[in-house]
Amino acid sequence: MAGCRIGRVKLKNGAEVLRFPTAPRDDVQKHLVDTAAYYANIHKSGELEGFIIMAWSKETTISLVRIEKPGMVSRSTAAAFAAEETRRALHQQGHW
């Protein structure tokens, strides 16, 4: 049947497989998640050395720095690296 969705699956041992509902997201949140997944996936396994993510609203800013392999970016250079890469991205997008 085309378009058929199974909501529950009951296994022989009596256990049930349930689908977890996805959190409702607006367009900005969907774009953020899709963009983060895209950039994570363009690197081959073992290539990604870290990431910096920042999200903000009218009331707050949330930032996360994750450095798996210190090298080009370390804890002491992460802030300057983020500032410079943000400036370059704005320039490339024509906003600088």
Protein backbone atom coordinates (compact mmCIF):
# COMPACT_ATOMS: atom_id res chain seq x y z
CA MET A 1 0.00 0.00 0.00
CA ALA A 2 1.47 3.33 -1.00
CA GLY A 3 1.64 5.84 1.81
CA CYS A 4 1.01 3.30 4.55
CA ARG A 5 2.63 4.19 7.88
CA ILE A 6 3.14 1.76 10.69
CA GLY A 7 2.75 3.42 14.06
CA ARG A 8 3.49 0.37 16.22
CA VAL A 9 5.17 -2.94 15.68
CA LYS A 10 4.63 -5.72 18.20
CA LEU A 11 7.40 -8.32 18.32
CA LYS A 12 6.87 -12.00 19.07
CA ASN A 13 8.29 -11.63 22.58
CA GLY A 14 5.68 -8.98 23.38
CA ALA A 15 7.98 -5.96 23.09
CA GLU A 16 6.75 -3.02 21.07
CA VAL A 17 8.72 -0.81 18.70
CA LEU A 18 7.49 2.76 18.92
CA ARG A 19 8.46 5.70 16.76
CA PHE A 20 9.61 8.70 18.74
CA PRO A 21 7.91 11.89 17.65
CA THR A 22 10.17 14.50 16.13
CA ALA A 23 10.28 17.83 17.89
CA PRO A 24 8.36 20.55 16.08
CA ARG A 25 10.78 22.94 14.41
CA ASP A 26 10.27 26.20 12.60
CA ASP A 27 12.05 26.98 9.32
CA VAL A 28 15.07 28.57 11.03
CA GLN A 29 15.61 25.51 13.25
CA LYS A 30 15.16 23.11 10.31
CA HIS A 31 17.70 25.08 8.28
CA LEU A 32 20.19 25.09 11.17
CA VAL A 33 19.93 21.32 11.65
CA ASP A 34 20.14 20.61 7.91
CA THR A 35 23.13 22.94 7.47
CA ALA A 36 25.01 21.45 10.44
CA ALA A 37 24.40 17.92 9.13
CA TYR A 38 25.53 18.92 5.62
CA TYR A 39 28.81 20.41 6.80
CA ALA A 40 29.51 17.49 9.14
CA ASN A 41 28.90 15.03 6.30
CA ILE A 42 31.19 16.69 3.74
CA HIS A 43 34.16 15.52 5.80
CA LYS A 44 35.29 11.92 5.58
CA SER A 45 35.34 9.81 8.72
CA GLY A 46 38.25 10.89 10.93
CA GLU A 47 38.82 14.21 9.11
CA LEU A 48 36.69 16.49 11.27
CA GLU A 49 38.83 17.97 14.05
CA GLY A 50 36.20 20.07 15.79
CA PHE A 51 33.39 22.55 15.39
CA ILE A 52 32.03 25.80 16.74
CA ILE A 53 28.32 26.47 16.73
CA MET A 54 26.50 29.57 17.88
CA ALA A 55 22.78 30.23 17.92
CA TRP A 56 20.95 33.25 19.26
CA SER A 57 17.53 34.68 19.92
CA LYS A 58 16.35 38.07 21.13
CA GLU A 59 17.08 37.05 24.72
CA THR A 60 20.12 34.79 24.68
CA THR A 61 23.11 33.38 22.83
CA ILE A 62 24.23 29.77 23.05
CA SER A 63 27.72 28.81 21.91
CA LEU A 64 29.52 25.49 21.83
CA VAL A 65 33.13 24.78 20.97
CA ARG A 66 34.17 21.17 20.45
CA ILE A 67 37.83 20.48 19.69
CA GLU A 68 38.53 16.80 19.15
CA LYS A 69 42.07 17.13 17.78
CA PRO A 70 43.92 20.30 18.75
CA GLY A 71 46.02 21.42 15.82
CA MET A 72 45.13 24.35 13.60
CA VAL A 73 42.58 25.39 16.27
CA SER A 74 43.24 24.98 19.98
CA ARG A 75 41.49 26.21 23.09
CA SER A 76 43.64 29.33 23.11
CA THR A 77 43.02 30.20 19.42
CA ALA A 78 39.35 29.14 19.05
CA ALA A 79 37.86 32.60 19.73
CA ALA A 80 40.09 34.41 17.23
CA PHE A 81 39.58 31.60 14.70
CA ALA A 82 35.78 31.88 15.02
CA ALA A 83 35.88 35.67 14.67
CA GLU A 84 38.08 35.56 11.57
CA GLU A 85 36.10 32.78 9.87
CA THR A 86 32.85 34.63 10.60
CA ARG A 87 34.32 37.78 9.02
CA ARG A 88 35.42 35.78 5.95
CA ALA A 89 32.01 34.13 5.59
CA LEU A 90 30.24 37.51 5.74
CA HIS A 91 32.65 38.90 3.17
CA GLN A 92 32.10 35.93 0.82
CA GLN A 93 28.34 36.34 1.18
CA GLY A 94 28.61 40.02 0.27
CA HIS A 95 27.72 41.42 3.68
CA TRP A 96 31.10 42.99 4.53
